């Protein structure tokens, strides 16, 4: 599903098409890492903070100047 959204973003000029796979891998790795740290109590960030961090990362990826 995420790849379809990334392809749509590339079609709309939000990201460069050649970066789709890299963005997908980075995003997936980041989410898995944050969740693993949370589950293993290696990060004291509350769930709301983790979700905010994830949202901030996604927003950074899709800023126009990051094409």
N, C-alpha and C. Protein backbone atom coordinates (compact mmCIF):
# COMPACT_ATOMS: atom_id res chain seq x y z
N UNK A 1 0.83 -1.19 0.00
CA UNK A 1 0.00 0.00 0.00
C UNK A 1 0.87 1.25 0.00
N UNK A 2 1.92 1.24 0.81
CA UNK A 2 2.77 2.42 0.89
C UNK A 2 3.42 2.73 -0.46
N UNK A 3 3.83 1.68 -1.19
CA UNK A 3 4.45 1.90 -2.49
C UNK A 3 3.49 2.58 -3.46
N UNK A 4 2.21 2.20 -3.40
CA UNK A 4 1.21 2.84 -4.26
C UNK A 4 1.11 4.33 -3.95
N UNK A 5 1.13 4.66 -2.65
CA UNK A 5 1.06 6.07 -2.24
C UNK A 5 2.32 6.82 -2.68
N UNK A 6 3.47 6.18 -2.57
CA UNK A 6 4.71 6.82 -3.01
C UNK A 6 4.70 7.05 -4.52
N UNK A 7 4.18 6.08 -5.26
CA UNK A 7 4.09 6.25 -6.72
C UNK A 7 3.16 7.40 -7.08
N UNK A 8 2.08 7.53 -6.32
CA UNK A 8 1.15 8.63 -6.55
C UNK A 8 1.84 9.97 -6.25
N UNK A 9 2.61 10.01 -5.18
CA UNK A 9 3.33 11.23 -4.82
C UNK A 9 4.35 11.59 -5.90
N UNK A 10 5.01 10.58 -6.46
CA UNK A 10 5.97 10.84 -7.54
C UNK A 10 5.24 11.37 -8.77
N UNK A 11 4.09 10.81 -9.08
CA UNK A 11 3.31 11.27 -10.23
C UNK A 11 2.86 12.72 -10.04
N UNK A 12 2.64 13.12 -8.78
CA UNK A 12 2.22 14.49 -8.48
C UNK A 12 3.39 15.43 -8.26
N UNK A 13 4.61 14.93 -8.43
CA UNK A 13 5.78 15.78 -8.32
C UNK A 13 6.25 16.04 -6.90
N UNK A 14 5.75 15.29 -5.94
CA UNK A 14 6.17 15.51 -4.55
C UNK A 14 7.52 14.88 -4.24
N UNK A 15 7.82 13.77 -4.90
CA UNK A 15 9.11 13.10 -4.71
C UNK A 15 9.62 12.67 -6.08
N UNK A 16 10.89 12.39 -6.15
CA UNK A 16 11.48 11.91 -7.38
C UNK A 16 11.21 10.41 -7.49
N UNK A 17 10.75 9.97 -8.65
CA UNK A 17 10.39 8.56 -8.85
C UNK A 17 11.55 7.61 -8.54
N UNK A 18 12.77 8.03 -8.83
CA UNK A 18 13.92 7.15 -8.59
C UNK A 18 14.17 6.91 -7.10
N UNK A 19 13.54 7.70 -6.22
CA UNK A 19 13.74 7.56 -4.78
C UNK A 19 12.67 6.73 -4.08
N UNK A 20 11.69 6.24 -4.82
CA UNK A 20 10.56 5.53 -4.20
C UNK A 20 11.02 4.35 -3.34
N UNK A 21 11.83 3.47 -3.90
CA UNK A 21 12.27 2.28 -3.15
C UNK A 21 13.08 2.65 -1.91
N UNK A 22 13.95 3.63 -2.05
CA UNK A 22 14.78 4.05 -0.91
C UNK A 22 13.92 4.66 0.19
N UNK A 23 13.00 5.50 -0.18
CA UNK A 23 12.09 6.11 0.80
C UNK A 23 11.28 5.03 1.51
N UNK A 24 10.82 4.07 0.74
CA UNK A 24 10.03 2.97 1.33
C UNK A 24 10.85 2.18 2.34
N UNK A 25 12.08 1.82 1.97
CA UNK A 25 12.93 1.06 2.88
C UNK A 25 13.28 1.85 4.14
N UNK A 26 13.61 3.13 3.96
CA UNK A 26 13.95 3.97 5.12
C UNK A 26 12.77 4.10 6.07
N UNK A 27 11.60 4.35 5.51
CA UNK A 27 10.41 4.52 6.33
C UNK A 27 10.07 3.24 7.08
N UNK A 28 10.11 2.12 6.39
CA UNK A 28 9.80 0.83 7.01
C UNK A 28 10.80 0.51 8.12
N UNK A 29 12.08 0.71 7.85
CA UNK A 29 13.11 0.44 8.86
C UNK A 29 12.95 1.34 10.08
N UNK A 30 12.64 2.59 9.84
CA UNK A 30 12.46 3.53 10.94
C UNK A 30 11.29 3.13 11.83
N UNK A 31 10.18 2.79 11.21
CA UNK A 31 9.00 2.38 11.98
C UNK A 31 9.29 1.12 12.78
N UNK A 32 9.87 0.12 12.14
CA UNK A 32 10.17 -1.12 12.85
C UNK A 32 11.14 -0.88 14.00
N UNK A 33 12.15 -0.07 13.76
CA UNK A 33 13.13 0.22 14.81
C UNK A 33 12.50 0.92 16.01
N UNK A 34 11.66 1.91 15.74
CA UNK A 34 11.02 2.63 16.84
C UNK A 34 10.11 1.71 17.64
N UNK A 35 9.35 0.88 16.95
CA UNK A 35 8.45 -0.04 17.64
C UNK A 35 9.23 -1.07 18.45
N UNK A 36 10.32 -1.59 17.90
CA UNK A 36 11.13 -2.55 18.63
C UNK A 36 11.74 -1.93 19.88
N UNK A 37 12.27 -0.73 19.76
CA UNK A 37 12.83 -0.06 20.93
C UNK A 37 11.75 0.17 21.98
N UNK A 38 10.56 0.54 21.55
CA UNK A 38 9.47 0.77 22.49
C UNK A 38 9.09 -0.54 23.20
N UNK A 39 8.91 -1.59 22.43
CA UNK A 39 8.50 -2.89 22.99
C UNK A 39 9.54 -3.41 23.96
N UNK A 40 10.81 -3.23 23.65
CA UNK A 40 11.90 -3.74 24.49
C UNK A 40 12.29 -2.76 25.60
N UNK A 41 11.49 -1.70 25.78
CA UNK A 41 11.74 -0.70 26.82
C UNK A 41 13.13 -0.06 26.71
N UNK A 42 13.60 0.14 25.50
CA UNK A 42 14.90 0.78 25.29
C UNK A 42 14.72 2.25 24.94
N UNK A 43 13.47 2.69 24.88
CA UNK A 43 13.16 4.09 24.58
C UNK A 43 12.05 4.52 25.54
N UNK A 44 12.28 5.58 26.26
CA UNK A 44 11.30 6.05 27.25
C UNK A 44 10.27 7.01 26.65
N UNK A 45 10.31 7.18 25.34
CA UNK A 45 9.37 8.07 24.68
C UNK A 45 7.97 7.48 24.76
N UNK A 46 6.98 8.28 25.18
CA UNK A 46 5.60 7.76 25.20
C UNK A 46 5.10 7.50 23.79
N UNK A 47 4.08 6.66 23.68
CA UNK A 47 3.53 6.28 22.37
C UNK A 47 3.19 7.51 21.54
N UNK A 48 2.58 8.51 22.14
CA UNK A 48 2.23 9.73 21.39
C UNK A 48 3.47 10.39 20.80
N UNK A 49 4.57 10.35 21.53
CA UNK A 49 5.82 10.93 21.05
C UNK A 49 6.40 10.13 19.88
N UNK A 50 6.30 8.82 19.96
CA UNK A 50 6.79 7.96 18.88
C UNK A 50 5.98 8.22 17.61
N UNK A 51 4.68 8.31 17.75
CA UNK A 51 3.82 8.57 16.60
C UNK A 51 4.13 9.95 16.01
N UNK A 52 4.36 10.94 16.87
CA UNK A 52 4.71 12.28 16.38
C UNK A 52 6.02 12.24 15.61
N UNK A 53 7.01 11.52 16.15
CA UNK A 53 8.30 11.41 15.47
C UNK A 53 8.14 10.76 14.09
N UNK A 54 7.32 9.72 14.02
CA UNK A 54 7.08 9.05 12.73
C UNK A 54 6.41 10.02 11.74
N UNK A 55 5.43 10.75 12.22
CA UNK A 55 4.74 11.72 11.36
C UNK A 55 5.70 12.81 10.89
N UNK A 56 6.57 13.28 11.79
CA UNK A 56 7.56 14.30 11.41
C UNK A 56 8.50 13.79 10.32
N UNK A 57 8.91 12.53 10.43
CA UNK A 57 9.79 11.94 9.42
C UNK A 57 9.10 11.86 8.06
N UNK A 58 7.85 11.43 8.06
CA UNK A 58 7.10 11.32 6.80
C UNK A 58 6.91 12.70 6.18
N UNK A 59 6.58 13.68 7.00
CA UNK A 59 6.41 15.05 6.49
C UNK A 59 7.71 15.58 5.90
N UNK A 60 8.83 15.28 6.53
CA UNK A 60 10.13 15.71 6.02
C UNK A 60 10.39 15.10 4.64
N UNK A 61 10.08 13.84 4.48
CA UNK A 61 10.30 13.17 3.20
C UNK A 61 9.53 13.85 2.08
N UNK A 62 8.32 14.30 2.37
CA UNK A 62 7.45 14.80 1.33
C UNK A 62 7.47 16.31 1.16
N UNK A 63 8.38 16.99 1.81
CA UNK A 63 8.51 18.43 1.57
C UNK A 63 9.04 18.66 0.16
N UNK A 64 8.51 19.65 -0.49
CA UNK A 64 8.87 19.93 -1.89
C UNK A 64 10.38 20.08 -2.09
N UNK A 65 11.06 20.72 -1.15
CA UNK A 65 12.50 20.99 -1.36
C UNK A 65 13.36 19.76 -1.19
N UNK A 66 12.79 18.61 -0.89
CA UNK A 66 13.55 17.38 -0.76
C UNK A 66 13.49 16.51 -2.01
N UNK A 67 12.95 17.06 -3.09
CA UNK A 67 12.88 16.29 -4.34
C UNK A 67 14.27 15.98 -4.79
